[in-house]
Amino acid sequence: MNLRHLLHAGRGVRDERGDVPGWVMITVMSAGLVALLTAFAGPQLRAMLESALSSVGG
């Protein structure tokens, strides 16, 4: 918590902007994780998906 949050904690004042840098970091890290998983496990994931779809589709 920063000083502004501590000063406004008891008064019900809320910053409506939110934690934009935090959300940007979470979004970038999530996209990086998806890209990393796709790069390393893409062929295996594709084979599993095709196998599952072929067993359902008949």
N, C-alpha and C. Protein backbone atom coordinates (compact mmCIF):
# COMPACT_ATOMS: atom_id res chain seq x y z
N MET A 1 0.85 -1.19 0.00
CA MET A 1 0.00 0.00 0.00
C MET A 1 0.89 1.24 0.00
N ASN A 2 0.45 2.22 -0.74
CA ASN A 2 1.21 3.46 -0.70
C ASN A 2 0.55 4.44 0.27
N LEU A 3 1.17 5.57 0.45
CA LEU A 3 0.71 6.55 1.43
C LEU A 3 -0.68 7.08 1.13
N ARG A 4 -1.00 7.26 -0.16
CA ARG A 4 -2.33 7.77 -0.52
C ARG A 4 -3.42 6.80 -0.10
N HIS A 5 -3.19 5.50 -0.27
CA HIS A 5 -4.19 4.51 0.14
C HIS A 5 -4.35 4.51 1.65
N LEU A 6 -3.25 4.67 2.38
CA LEU A 6 -3.34 4.70 3.83
C LEU A 6 -4.10 5.92 4.32
N LEU A 7 -3.89 7.08 3.67
CA LEU A 7 -4.56 8.29 4.09
C LEU A 7 -6.06 8.24 3.82
N HIS A 8 -6.47 7.60 2.74
CA HIS A 8 -7.88 7.56 2.36
C HIS A 8 -8.59 6.29 2.81
N ALA A 9 -7.93 5.41 3.52
CA ALA A 9 -8.49 4.10 3.86
C ALA A 9 -9.76 4.23 4.70
N GLY A 10 -9.80 5.10 5.64
CA GLY A 10 -10.94 5.18 6.54
C GLY A 10 -12.07 6.06 6.05
N ARG A 11 -11.89 6.77 4.96
CA ARG A 11 -12.89 7.74 4.51
C ARG A 11 -13.77 7.26 3.38
N GLY A 12 -13.54 6.06 2.88
CA GLY A 12 -14.37 5.55 1.80
C GLY A 12 -14.04 6.15 0.45
N VAL A 13 -12.94 6.88 0.33
CA VAL A 13 -12.53 7.47 -0.94
C VAL A 13 -11.83 6.39 -1.75
N ARG A 14 -12.22 6.24 -2.99
CA ARG A 14 -11.66 5.19 -3.82
C ARG A 14 -11.21 5.76 -5.16
N ASP A 15 -10.04 5.36 -5.58
CA ASP A 15 -9.52 5.79 -6.88
C ASP A 15 -10.18 4.91 -7.95
N GLU A 16 -10.95 5.48 -8.83
CA GLU A 16 -11.69 4.73 -9.83
C GLU A 16 -10.84 4.28 -11.01
N ARG A 17 -9.61 4.76 -11.10
CA ARG A 17 -8.76 4.37 -12.22
C ARG A 17 -8.26 2.94 -12.09
N GLY A 18 -8.13 2.45 -10.89
CA GLY A 18 -7.62 1.11 -10.69
C GLY A 18 -6.11 1.07 -10.79
N ASP A 19 -5.60 -0.13 -10.80
CA ASP A 19 -4.16 -0.34 -10.86
C ASP A 19 -3.76 -0.69 -12.28
N VAL A 20 -3.71 0.32 -13.15
CA VAL A 20 -3.46 0.10 -14.57
C VAL A 20 -2.12 -0.58 -14.83
N PRO A 21 -1.01 -0.11 -14.26
CA PRO A 21 0.27 -0.80 -14.52
C PRO A 21 0.25 -2.26 -14.10
N GLY A 22 -0.42 -2.56 -13.02
CA GLY A 22 -0.53 -3.95 -12.57
C GLY A 22 -1.28 -4.81 -13.57
N TRP A 23 -2.40 -4.30 -14.08
CA TRP A 23 -3.18 -5.05 -15.06
C TRP A 23 -2.43 -5.21 -16.37
N VAL A 24 -1.68 -4.19 -16.76
CA VAL A 24 -0.88 -4.29 -17.99
C VAL A 24 0.17 -5.38 -17.82
N MET A 25 0.84 -5.41 -16.67
CA MET A 25 1.85 -6.43 -16.42
C MET A 25 1.24 -7.83 -16.43
N ILE A 26 0.08 -8.00 -15.80
CA ILE A 26 -0.59 -9.31 -15.79
C ILE A 26 -0.96 -9.73 -17.20
N THR A 27 -1.47 -8.79 -18.01
CA THR A 27 -1.85 -9.11 -19.39
C THR A 27 -0.65 -9.50 -20.23
N VAL A 28 0.45 -8.75 -20.10
CA VAL A 28 1.66 -9.06 -20.87
C VAL A 28 2.24 -10.41 -20.44
N MET A 29 2.26 -10.67 -19.14
CA MET A 29 2.79 -11.94 -18.65
C MET A 29 1.92 -13.11 -19.09
N SER A 30 0.61 -12.93 -19.10
CA SER A 30 -0.29 -13.99 -19.56
C SER A 30 -0.08 -14.28 -21.04
N ALA A 31 0.05 -13.23 -21.84
CA ALA A 31 0.30 -13.42 -23.27
C ALA A 31 1.64 -14.11 -23.49
N GLY A 32 2.64 -13.75 -22.71
CA GLY A 32 3.95 -14.41 -22.82
C GLY A 32 3.87 -15.88 -22.44
N LEU A 33 3.10 -16.20 -21.41
CA LEU A 33 2.94 -17.59 -21.00
C LEU A 33 2.24 -18.42 -22.07
N VAL A 34 1.21 -17.86 -22.68
CA VAL A 34 0.51 -18.55 -23.77
C VAL A 34 1.45 -18.76 -24.96
N ALA A 35 2.23 -17.75 -25.30
CA ALA A 35 3.18 -17.89 -26.41
C ALA A 35 4.23 -18.94 -26.11
N LEU A 36 4.71 -18.98 -24.87
CA LEU A 36 5.72 -19.97 -24.48
C LEU A 36 5.14 -21.38 -24.53
N LEU A 37 3.94 -21.55 -24.01
CA LEU A 37 3.30 -22.87 -24.06
C LEU A 37 3.04 -23.32 -25.49
N THR A 38 2.62 -22.39 -26.33
CA THR A 38 2.36 -22.72 -27.73
C THR A 38 3.64 -23.12 -28.44
N ALA A 39 4.72 -22.43 -28.15
CA ALA A 39 5.99 -22.72 -28.81
C ALA A 39 6.52 -24.10 -28.42
N PHE A 40 6.41 -24.45 -27.15
CA PHE A 40 6.97 -25.71 -26.69
C PHE A 40 6.02 -26.89 -26.82
N ALA A 41 4.75 -26.68 -26.60
CA ALA A 41 3.80 -27.79 -26.55
C ALA A 41 2.76 -27.73 -27.66
N GLY A 42 2.94 -26.87 -28.64
CA GLY A 42 1.95 -26.71 -29.71
C GLY A 42 1.63 -27.98 -30.46
N PRO A 43 2.63 -28.71 -30.95
CA PRO A 43 2.32 -29.94 -31.68
C PRO A 43 1.61 -30.99 -30.83
N GLN A 44 2.02 -31.14 -29.58
CA GLN A 44 1.37 -32.11 -28.71
C GLN A 44 -0.07 -31.70 -28.40
N LEU A 45 -0.27 -30.42 -28.16
CA LEU A 45 -1.63 -29.94 -27.89
C LEU A 45 -2.53 -30.11 -29.11
N ARG A 46 -1.99 -29.85 -30.29
CA ARG A 46 -2.75 -30.01 -31.52
C ARG A 46 -3.14 -31.49 -31.73
N ALA A 47 -2.19 -32.40 -31.46
CA ALA A 47 -2.48 -33.83 -31.60
C ALA A 47 -3.54 -34.28 -30.61
N MET A 48 -3.46 -33.78 -29.38
CA MET A 48 -4.49 -34.13 -28.38
C MET A 48 -5.86 -33.62 -28.79
N LEU A 49 -5.93 -32.40 -29.29
CA LEU A 49 -7.19 -31.81 -29.72
C LEU A 49 -7.78 -32.58 -30.90
N GLU A 50 -6.94 -32.89 -31.89
CA GLU A 50 -7.43 -33.64 -33.05
C GLU A 50 -7.91 -35.03 -32.65
N SER A 51 -7.20 -35.67 -31.71
CA SER A 51 -7.61 -36.99 -31.25
C SER A 51 -8.96 -36.92 -30.52
N ALA A 52 -9.12 -35.90 -29.67
CA ALA A 52 -10.37 -35.75 -28.95
C ALA A 52 -11.54 -35.45 -29.89
N LEU A 53 -11.29 -34.58 -30.86
CA LEU A 53 -12.37 -34.25 -31.80
C LEU A 53 -12.73 -35.42 -32.70
N SER A 54 -11.75 -36.19 -33.08
CA SER A 54 -12.06 -37.34 -33.93
C SER A 54 -12.81 -38.42 -33.17
N SER A 55 -12.53 -38.58 -31.88
CA SER A 55 -13.26 -39.58 -31.10
C SER A 55 -14.70 -39.16 -30.84
N VAL A 56 -14.95 -37.85 -30.75
CA VAL A 56 -16.32 -37.36 -30.54
C VAL A 56 -17.09 -37.37 -31.85
N GLY A 57 -16.43 -36.93 -32.92
CA GLY A 57 -17.11 -36.82 -34.20
C GLY A 57 -17.41 -38.15 -34.87
N GLY A 58 -16.66 -39.17 -34.52
CA GLY A 58 -16.96 -40.48 -35.07
C GLY A 58 -16.35 -40.66 -36.37
